[in-house]
């Protein structure tokens, strides 16, 4: 009986799916830039000619990221780092919730990259759906919360700052 109660508590605290409040909050930050669902993006992790670009800062990326993602940052982002990516390649940008990555996505589109989409809900949504995260040591359940105000949206995994 104790096990069932414990399991119920875990499932409720780390429920599948994103809360309506989170989705409502995202509306404040998204401006109509093309998005891709996390389910669709996950199917493309090992696909050829698909690039995942992490637009968070190095300290955030080092805690965890999507397997194979390139760290491009936000504050010091440079298009010069992307010379090896063909202009017609599929690019999926992401950050914690999708605001910073959306801005980088606009810059990529302006530079002639034609297939750019923003990961809907960002890495927080990815983690909350129990999708895999990695760091330099392999698989991890840690995720950088950016700040306590933003980290509250992470419901699954261990939030670190």
N, C-alpha and C. Protein backbone atom coordinates (compact mmCIF):
# COMPACT_ATOMS: atom_id res chain seq x y z
N UNK A 1 0.82 -1.19 0.00
CA UNK A 1 0.00 0.00 0.00
C UNK A 1 0.87 1.26 0.00
N UNK A 2 1.92 1.26 0.81
CA UNK A 2 2.82 2.41 0.84
C UNK A 2 3.44 2.64 -0.52
N UNK A 3 3.78 1.54 -1.20
CA UNK A 3 4.39 1.66 -2.53
C UNK A 3 3.43 2.34 -3.50
N UNK A 4 2.16 1.95 -3.48
CA UNK A 4 1.17 2.55 -4.38
C UNK A 4 0.99 4.04 -4.09
N UNK A 5 0.97 4.42 -2.82
CA UNK A 5 0.87 5.83 -2.46
C UNK A 5 2.09 6.59 -2.98
N UNK A 6 3.28 6.03 -2.77
CA UNK A 6 4.52 6.65 -3.24
C UNK A 6 4.49 6.81 -4.76
N UNK A 7 4.07 5.77 -5.46
CA UNK A 7 3.99 5.81 -6.91
C UNK A 7 3.01 6.89 -7.37
N UNK A 8 1.88 7.01 -6.72
CA UNK A 8 0.90 8.03 -7.05
C UNK A 8 1.46 9.43 -6.86
N UNK A 9 2.18 9.65 -5.78
CA UNK A 9 2.80 10.95 -5.51
C UNK A 9 3.81 11.28 -6.60
N UNK A 10 4.64 10.31 -6.96
CA UNK A 10 5.65 10.53 -8.01
C UNK A 10 4.97 10.86 -9.33
N UNK A 11 3.97 10.10 -9.69
CA UNK A 11 3.29 10.33 -10.96
C UNK A 11 2.61 11.69 -11.01
N UNK A 12 2.04 12.13 -9.90
CA UNK A 12 1.39 13.43 -9.89
C UNK A 12 2.41 14.56 -9.94
N UNK A 13 3.55 14.39 -9.29
CA UNK A 13 4.54 15.46 -9.27
C UNK A 13 5.32 15.54 -10.56
N UNK A 14 5.33 14.46 -11.30
CA UNK A 14 6.08 14.42 -12.55
C UNK A 14 5.14 13.91 -13.64
N UNK A 15 4.01 14.57 -13.75
CA UNK A 15 2.98 14.11 -14.67
C UNK A 15 3.42 14.26 -16.12
N UNK A 16 2.92 13.34 -16.92
CA UNK A 16 3.18 13.42 -18.36
C UNK A 16 2.40 14.60 -18.91
N UNK A 17 2.98 15.28 -19.84
CA UNK A 17 2.32 16.41 -20.45
C UNK A 17 2.64 17.71 -19.73
N UNK A 18 2.45 18.78 -20.42
CA UNK A 18 2.78 20.08 -19.88
C UNK A 18 1.51 20.73 -19.33
N UNK A 19 1.66 21.49 -18.28
CA UNK A 19 0.51 22.11 -17.64
C UNK A 19 -0.09 23.20 -18.52
N UNK A 20 -1.39 23.44 -18.37
CA UNK A 20 -2.02 24.54 -19.10
C UNK A 20 -1.37 25.89 -18.76
N UNK A 21 -0.93 26.06 -17.51
CA UNK A 21 -0.27 27.31 -17.12
C UNK A 21 1.01 27.53 -17.91
N UNK A 22 1.77 26.47 -18.11
CA UNK A 22 3.01 26.56 -18.88
C UNK A 22 2.71 26.96 -20.32
N UNK A 23 1.74 26.29 -20.90
CA UNK A 23 1.37 26.60 -22.29
C UNK A 23 0.87 28.04 -22.41
N UNK A 24 0.14 28.50 -21.42
CA UNK A 24 -0.34 29.89 -21.42
C UNK A 24 0.82 30.86 -21.32
N UNK A 25 1.79 30.55 -20.46
CA UNK A 25 2.97 31.40 -20.31
C UNK A 25 3.75 31.50 -21.62
N UNK A 26 3.86 30.39 -22.33
CA UNK A 26 4.61 30.40 -23.59
C UNK A 26 4.03 31.39 -24.60
N UNK A 27 2.71 31.56 -24.57
CA UNK A 27 2.06 32.49 -25.50
C UNK A 27 2.62 33.90 -25.37
N UNK A 28 3.09 34.26 -24.18
CA UNK A 28 3.66 35.59 -23.96
C UNK A 28 4.99 35.77 -24.68
N UNK A 29 5.68 34.69 -24.96
CA UNK A 29 7.03 34.76 -25.50
C UNK A 29 7.13 34.36 -26.96
N UNK A 30 6.18 33.64 -27.46
CA UNK A 30 6.24 33.17 -28.84
C UNK A 30 5.56 34.18 -29.76
N UNK A 31 6.19 34.42 -30.92
CA UNK A 31 5.69 35.45 -31.82
C UNK A 31 5.23 34.91 -33.17
N UNK A 32 4.97 33.62 -33.27
CA UNK A 32 4.52 33.05 -34.53
C UNK A 32 5.63 32.38 -35.33
N UNK A 33 6.87 32.43 -34.83
CA UNK A 33 7.97 31.74 -35.50
C UNK A 33 7.62 30.24 -35.54
N UNK A 34 7.98 29.55 -36.63
CA UNK A 34 7.64 28.12 -36.73
C UNK A 34 8.19 27.30 -35.56
N UNK A 35 7.34 26.42 -35.04
CA UNK A 35 7.75 25.53 -33.96
C UNK A 35 7.67 24.09 -34.43
N UNK A 36 8.34 23.23 -33.68
CA UNK A 36 8.27 21.79 -33.90
C UNK A 36 7.95 21.16 -32.55
N UNK A 37 7.07 20.18 -32.55
CA UNK A 37 6.72 19.52 -31.30
C UNK A 37 7.91 18.70 -30.81
N UNK A 38 7.95 18.49 -29.51
CA UNK A 38 9.06 17.70 -28.98
C UNK A 38 8.98 16.26 -29.48
N UNK A 39 7.79 15.73 -29.66
CA UNK A 39 7.65 14.36 -30.16
C UNK A 39 8.23 14.25 -31.58
N UNK A 40 7.91 15.22 -32.42
CA UNK A 40 8.42 15.21 -33.79
C UNK A 40 9.94 15.44 -33.80
N UNK A 41 10.40 16.35 -32.97
CA UNK A 41 11.84 16.63 -32.92
C UNK A 41 12.62 15.41 -32.45
N UNK A 42 12.08 14.69 -31.49
CA UNK A 42 12.80 13.52 -30.96
C UNK A 42 13.06 12.49 -32.05
N UNK A 43 12.17 12.36 -33.02
CA UNK A 43 12.36 11.39 -34.10
C UNK A 43 13.50 11.79 -35.03
N UNK A 44 13.97 13.03 -34.91
CA UNK A 44 14.98 13.55 -35.83
C UNK A 44 16.39 13.63 -35.22
N UNK A 45 16.55 13.15 -33.98
CA UNK A 45 17.84 13.29 -33.30
C UNK A 45 18.99 12.71 -34.11
N UNK A 46 18.80 11.56 -34.71
CA UNK A 46 19.89 10.92 -35.45
C UNK A 46 19.72 11.02 -36.97
N UNK A 47 18.79 11.86 -37.41
CA UNK A 47 18.54 11.99 -38.84
C UNK A 47 19.66 12.77 -39.53
N UNK A 48 19.91 12.43 -40.77
CA UNK A 48 20.91 13.15 -41.55
C UNK A 48 20.38 14.53 -41.92
N UNK A 49 21.29 15.47 -41.98
CA UNK A 49 20.98 16.83 -42.40
C UNK A 49 19.98 17.53 -41.49
N UNK A 50 19.94 17.11 -40.20
CA UNK A 50 19.13 17.78 -39.18
C UNK A 50 20.08 18.19 -38.06
N UNK A 51 20.03 19.45 -37.68
CA UNK A 51 20.94 19.98 -36.66
C UNK A 51 20.13 20.57 -35.51
N UNK A 52 20.47 20.13 -34.31
CA UNK A 52 19.90 20.71 -33.10
C UNK A 52 20.88 21.74 -32.57
N UNK A 53 20.42 22.97 -32.38
CA UNK A 53 21.27 24.05 -31.89
C UNK A 53 20.76 24.50 -30.53
N UNK A 54 21.61 24.36 -29.53
CA UNK A 54 21.29 24.77 -28.16
C UNK A 54 21.71 26.22 -28.01
N UNK A 55 20.74 27.10 -27.79
CA UNK A 55 21.01 28.53 -27.73
C UNK A 55 21.16 29.04 -26.31
N UNK A 56 21.30 28.12 -25.37
CA UNK A 56 21.54 28.53 -23.98
C UNK A 56 23.03 28.80 -23.80
N UNK A 57 23.41 29.18 -22.62
CA UNK A 57 24.81 29.45 -22.34
C UNK A 57 25.54 28.17 -21.94
N UNK A 58 26.85 28.21 -21.99
CA UNK A 58 27.68 27.02 -21.76
C UNK A 58 27.39 26.36 -20.41
N UNK A 59 27.21 27.15 -19.35
CA UNK A 59 26.93 26.57 -18.04
C UNK A 59 25.64 25.76 -18.06
N UNK A 60 24.65 26.21 -18.81
CA UNK A 60 23.39 25.49 -18.92
C UNK A 60 23.57 24.21 -19.74
N UNK A 61 24.26 24.34 -20.86
CA UNK A 61 24.53 23.21 -21.76
C UNK A 61 25.32 22.13 -21.04
N UNK A 62 26.28 22.52 -20.22
CA UNK A 62 27.11 21.54 -19.52
C UNK A 62 26.31 20.70 -18.53
N UNK A 63 25.24 21.24 -17.98
CA UNK A 63 24.40 20.48 -17.06
C UNK A 63 23.68 19.38 -17.84
N UNK A 64 23.08 19.74 -18.96
CA UNK A 64 22.41 18.75 -19.83
C UNK A 64 21.99 19.42 -21.13
N UNK A 65 21.80 18.57 -22.11
CA UNK A 65 21.34 19.03 -23.42
C UNK A 65 20.78 17.83 -24.19
N UNK A 66 20.25 18.09 -25.35
CA UNK A 66 19.77 17.03 -26.23
C UNK A 66 20.98 16.41 -26.91
N UNK A 67 20.97 15.10 -26.98
CA UNK A 67 22.09 14.38 -27.59
C UNK A 67 22.39 14.91 -28.99
N UNK A 68 23.67 15.20 -29.24
CA UNK A 68 24.12 15.66 -30.55
C UNK A 68 23.94 17.15 -30.80
N UNK A 69 23.36 17.87 -29.86
CA UNK A 69 23.12 19.31 -30.07
C UNK A 69 24.42 20.08 -30.06
N UNK A 70 24.48 21.09 -30.90
CA UNK A 70 25.62 22.00 -30.96
C UNK A 70 25.33 23.16 -30.01
N UNK A 71 26.28 23.49 -29.18
CA UNK A 71 26.16 24.69 -28.35
C UNK A 71 26.50 25.91 -29.19
N UNK A 72 25.53 26.80 -29.37
CA UNK A 72 25.78 28.03 -30.12
C UNK A 72 25.60 29.26 -29.24
N UNK A 73 25.00 29.08 -28.06
CA UNK A 73 24.85 30.18 -27.13
C UNK A 73 23.85 31.23 -27.58
N UNK A 74 23.73 32.22 -26.75
CA UNK A 74 22.81 33.32 -27.03
C UNK A 74 23.54 34.66 -26.96
N UNK A 75 24.16 34.93 -25.85
CA UNK A 75 24.83 36.22 -25.65
C UNK A 75 25.92 36.47 -26.70
N UNK A 76 26.68 35.44 -27.02
CA UNK A 76 27.80 35.59 -27.96
C UNK A 76 27.58 34.81 -29.25
N UNK A 77 26.32 34.60 -29.62
CA UNK A 77 26.00 33.83 -30.83
C UNK A 77 26.66 34.47 -32.05
N UNK A 78 27.20 33.62 -32.92
CA UNK A 78 27.80 34.09 -34.16
C UNK A 78 27.42 33.17 -35.31
N UNK A 79 26.93 33.74 -36.38
CA UNK A 79 26.61 32.95 -37.57
C UNK A 79 27.84 32.26 -38.14
N UNK A 80 29.01 32.82 -37.88
CA UNK A 80 30.25 32.24 -38.38
C UNK A 80 30.48 30.82 -37.89
N UNK A 81 29.94 30.47 -36.75
CA UNK A 81 30.12 29.12 -36.21
C UNK A 81 29.35 28.08 -37.01
N UNK A 82 28.44 28.51 -37.84
CA UNK A 82 27.55 27.58 -38.53
C UNK A 82 27.91 27.36 -40.00
N UNK A 83 29.12 27.71 -40.37
CA UNK A 83 29.54 27.61 -41.78
C UNK A 83 29.41 26.19 -42.33
N UNK A 84 29.52 25.18 -41.48
CA UNK A 84 29.44 23.79 -41.93
C UNK A 84 28.00 23.32 -42.13
N UNK A 85 27.05 24.12 -41.73
CA UNK A 85 25.64 23.73 -41.88
C UNK A 85 25.11 24.28 -43.20
N UNK A 86 24.66 23.40 -44.10
CA UNK A 86 24.09 23.87 -45.37
C UNK A 86 22.85 24.74 -45.14
N UNK A 87 22.66 25.70 -46.00
CA UNK A 87 21.53 26.62 -45.86
C UNK A 87 20.18 25.91 -45.97
N UNK A 88 20.15 24.73 -46.63
CA UNK A 88 18.88 24.01 -46.77
C UNK A 88 18.72 22.89 -45.76
N UNK A 89 19.63 22.80 -44.79
CA UNK A 89 19.51 21.77 -43.75
C UNK A 89 18.36 22.11 -42.81
N UNK A 90 17.81 21.09 -42.19
CA UNK A 90 16.79 21.33 -41.18
C UNK A 90 17.49 21.67 -39.87
N UNK A 91 17.08 22.78 -39.27
CA UNK A 91 17.68 23.25 -38.02
C UNK A 91 16.58 23.37 -36.97
N UNK A 92 16.83 22.78 -35.81
CA UNK A 92 15.92 22.88 -34.69
C UNK A 92 16.66 23.61 -33.58
N UNK A 93 16.18 24.78 -33.23
CA UNK A 93 16.80 25.58 -32.17
C UNK A 93 16.02 25.37 -30.88
N UNK A 94 16.72 25.44 -29.76
CA UNK A 94 16.03 25.34 -28.48
C UNK A 94 16.82 26.04 -27.40
N UNK A 95 16.10 26.38 -26.33
CA UNK A 95 16.68 26.91 -25.09
C UNK A 95 15.82 26.37 -23.95
N UNK A 96 15.74 27.06 -22.86
CA UNK A 96 14.96 26.56 -21.72
C UNK A 96 13.47 26.49 -22.03
N UNK A 97 12.89 27.58 -22.52
CA UNK A 97 11.45 27.60 -22.81
C UNK A 97 11.15 27.91 -24.28
N UNK A 98 12.11 28.44 -25.00
CA UNK A 98 11.91 28.75 -26.41
C UNK A 98 12.01 30.21 -26.77
N UNK A 99 12.23 31.10 -25.81
CA UNK A 99 12.29 32.53 -26.10
C UNK A 99 13.63 32.92 -26.74
N UNK A 100 14.74 32.53 -26.13
CA UNK A 100 16.05 32.86 -26.69
C UNK A 100 16.24 32.16 -28.03
N UNK A 101 15.82 30.91 -28.11
CA UNK A 101 16.00 30.17 -29.36
C UNK A 101 15.17 30.77 -30.49
N UNK A 102 14.01 31.30 -30.17
CA UNK A 102 13.19 31.95 -31.19
C UNK A 102 13.96 33.14 -31.79
N UNK A 103 14.61 33.92 -30.95
CA UNK A 103 15.39 35.05 -31.46
C UNK A 103 16.53 34.59 -32.35
N UNK A 104 17.23 33.53 -31.95
CA UNK A 104 18.30 32.99 -32.78
C UNK A 104 17.72 32.43 -34.07
N UNK A 105 16.55 31.81 -33.99
CA UNK A 105 15.88 31.30 -35.18
C UNK A 105 15.61 32.41 -36.19
N UNK A 106 15.16 33.55 -35.73
CA UNK A 106 14.95 34.69 -36.63
C UNK A 106 16.26 35.10 -37.31
N UNK A 107 17.33 35.11 -36.55
CA UNK A 107 18.63 35.48 -37.13
C UNK A 107 19.06 34.48 -38.19
N UNK A 108 18.79 33.20 -37.94
CA UNK A 108 19.14 32.17 -38.92
C UNK A 108 18.32 32.33 -40.20
N UNK A 109 17.03 32.57 -40.05
CA UNK A 109 16.17 32.78 -41.22
C UNK A 109 16.64 34.00 -42.02
N UNK A 110 16.98 35.08 -41.31
CA UNK A 110 17.46 36.29 -41.96
C UNK A 110 18.77 36.05 -42.70
N UNK A 111 19.55 35.07 -42.24
CA UNK A 111 20.83 34.75 -42.87
C UNK A 111 20.68 33.75 -44.01
N UNK A 112 19.45 33.32 -44.29
CA UNK A 112 19.22 32.45 -45.44
C UNK A 112 19.00 30.98 -45.14
N UNK A 113 18.98 30.61 -43.87
CA UNK A 113 18.66 29.22 -43.54
C UNK A 113 17.15 29.06 -43.70
N UNK A 114 16.75 28.10 -44.52
CA UNK A 114 15.35 28.04 -44.93
C UNK A 114 14.46 27.13 -44.08
N UNK A 115 15.05 26.18 -43.37
CA UNK A 115 14.24 25.19 -42.62
C UNK A 115 14.58 25.26 -41.13
N UNK A 116 14.18 26.33 -40.50
CA UNK A 116 14.47 26.53 -39.09
C UNK A 116 13.17 26.47 -38.29
N UNK A 117 13.19 25.71 -37.21
CA UNK A 117 12.03 25.67 -36.32
C UNK A 117 12.51 25.71 -34.87
N UNK A 118 11.64 26.19 -34.02
CA UNK A 118 11.91 26.34 -32.59
C UNK A 118 11.24 25.18 -31.86
N UNK A 119 11.98 24.52 -30.97
CA UNK A 119 11.44 23.40 -30.20
C UNK A 119 10.36 23.94 -29.25
N UNK A 120 9.11 23.56 -29.51
CA UNK A 120 8.00 24.09 -28.73
C UNK A 120 8.13 23.70 -27.26
N UNK A 121 8.16 24.71 -26.39
CA UNK A 121 8.25 24.48 -24.95
C UNK A 121 9.66 24.35 -24.44
N UNK A 122 10.63 24.25 -25.35
CA UNK A 122 12.03 24.20 -24.96
C UNK A 122 12.44 22.94 -24.22
N UNK A 123 13.62 23.03 -23.64
CA UNK A 123 14.19 21.89 -22.94
C UNK A 123 13.41 21.54 -21.67
N UNK A 124 12.73 22.52 -21.08
CA UNK A 124 11.91 22.22 -19.91
C UNK A 124 10.78 21.25 -20.29
N UNK A 125 10.12 21.53 -21.39
CA UNK A 125 9.04 20.66 -21.86
C UNK A 125 9.62 19.28 -22.21
N UNK A 126 10.76 19.27 -22.88
CA UNK A 126 11.45 18.03 -23.24
C UNK A 126 11.69 17.18 -21.97
N UNK A 127 12.23 17.79 -20.94
CA UNK A 127 12.51 17.07 -19.70
C UNK A 127 11.23 16.60 -19.04
N UNK A 128 10.20 17.43 -19.06
CA UNK A 128 8.94 17.07 -18.42
C UNK A 128 8.23 15.92 -19.12
N UNK A 129 8.58 15.68 -20.35
CA UNK A 129 8.03 14.54 -21.10
C UNK A 129 8.93 13.31 -20.96
N UNK A 130 9.93 13.41 -20.10
CA UNK A 130 10.83 12.28 -19.83
C UNK A 130 11.70 11.92 -21.03
N UNK A 131 11.96 12.87 -21.91
CA UNK A 131 12.84 12.60 -23.04
C UNK A 131 14.28 12.69 -22.56
N UNK A 132 15.17 11.99 -23.22
CA UNK A 132 16.54 11.86 -22.70
C UNK A 132 17.36 13.15 -22.78
N UNK A 133 18.15 13.33 -21.73
CA UNK A 133 19.12 14.42 -21.64
C UNK A 133 20.49 13.80 -21.43
N UNK A 134 21.50 14.48 -21.94
CA UNK A 134 22.87 14.01 -21.77
C UNK A 134 23.76 15.16 -21.32
N UNK A 135 24.91 14.78 -20.79
CA UNK A 135 25.99 15.74 -20.53
C UNK A 135 27.29 15.03 -20.91
N UNK A 136 28.42 15.56 -20.54
CA UNK A 136 29.70 14.99 -20.96
C UNK A 136 29.94 13.59 -20.39
N UNK A 137 29.20 13.22 -19.37
CA UNK A 137 29.37 11.90 -18.74
C UNK A 137 28.34 10.88 -19.24
N UNK A 138 27.39 11.31 -20.03
CA UNK A 138 26.35 10.41 -20.53
C UNK A 138 24.97 10.88 -20.13
N UNK A 139 24.08 9.94 -19.92
CA UNK A 139 22.69 10.23 -19.58
C UNK A 139 22.60 10.92 -18.21
N UNK A 140 21.66 11.86 -18.10
CA UNK A 140 21.45 12.57 -16.84
C UNK A 140 19.99 12.96 -16.69
N UNK A 141 19.57 13.18 -15.46
CA UNK A 141 18.23 13.70 -15.21
C UNK A 141 18.30 15.14 -14.72
N UNK A 142 19.49 15.73 -14.75
CA UNK A 142 19.65 17.12 -14.31
C UNK A 142 19.33 18.08 -15.46
N UNK A 143 18.79 19.21 -15.06
CA UNK A 143 18.51 20.26 -16.03
C UNK A 143 18.74 21.61 -15.37
N UNK A 144 19.37 22.51 -16.10
CA UNK A 144 19.64 23.84 -15.56
C UNK A 144 18.33 24.63 -15.58
N UNK A 145 17.96 25.17 -14.44
CA UNK A 145 16.68 25.87 -14.32
C UNK A 145 16.71 27.33 -14.71
N UNK A 146 17.86 27.84 -15.13
CA UNK A 146 18.08 29.24 -15.52
C UNK A 146 17.99 30.16 -14.31
N UNK A 147 16.86 30.15 -13.61
CA UNK A 147 16.68 30.92 -12.37
C UNK A 147 15.53 30.25 -11.61
N UNK A 148 15.38 30.60 -10.34
CA UNK A 148 14.29 29.98 -9.57
C UNK A 148 12.93 30.33 -10.15
N UNK A 149 12.81 31.51 -10.73
CA UNK A 149 11.54 31.90 -11.35
C UNK A 149 11.20 31.05 -12.57
N UNK A 150 12.21 30.63 -13.30
CA UNK A 150 11.99 29.81 -14.49
C UNK A 150 12.06 28.32 -14.15
N UNK A 151 12.92 27.95 -13.23
CA UNK A 151 13.09 26.55 -12.88
C UNK A 151 11.84 25.90 -12.33
N UNK A 152 10.90 26.72 -11.85
CA UNK A 152 9.65 26.18 -11.31
C UNK A 152 8.85 25.41 -12.36
N UNK A 153 9.13 25.65 -13.64
CA UNK A 153 8.40 24.98 -14.70
C UNK A 153 8.92 23.57 -14.96
N UNK A 154 10.07 23.24 -14.42
CA UNK A 154 10.62 21.89 -14.58
C UNK A 154 9.97 21.00 -13.53
N UNK A 155 9.20 20.05 -13.98
CA UNK A 155 8.49 19.15 -13.07
C UNK A 155 9.14 17.78 -12.97
N UNK A 156 9.99 17.44 -13.90
CA UNK A 156 10.64 16.13 -13.94
C UNK A 156 12.15 16.34 -14.06
N UNK A 157 12.88 15.64 -13.25
CA UNK A 157 14.32 15.77 -13.26
C UNK A 157 14.79 16.63 -12.11
N UNK A 158 16.09 16.72 -11.96
CA UNK A 158 16.70 17.48 -10.90
C UNK A 158 17.13 18.85 -11.41
N UNK A 159 16.52 19.89 -10.88
CA UNK A 159 16.84 21.25 -11.32
C UNK A 159 18.08 21.73 -10.58
N UNK A 160 19.04 22.26 -11.33
CA UNK A 160 20.25 22.84 -10.76
C UNK A 160 20.43 24.25 -11.32
N UNK A 161 21.18 25.07 -10.60
CA UNK A 161 21.41 26.45 -11.04
C UNK A 161 22.90 26.74 -11.07
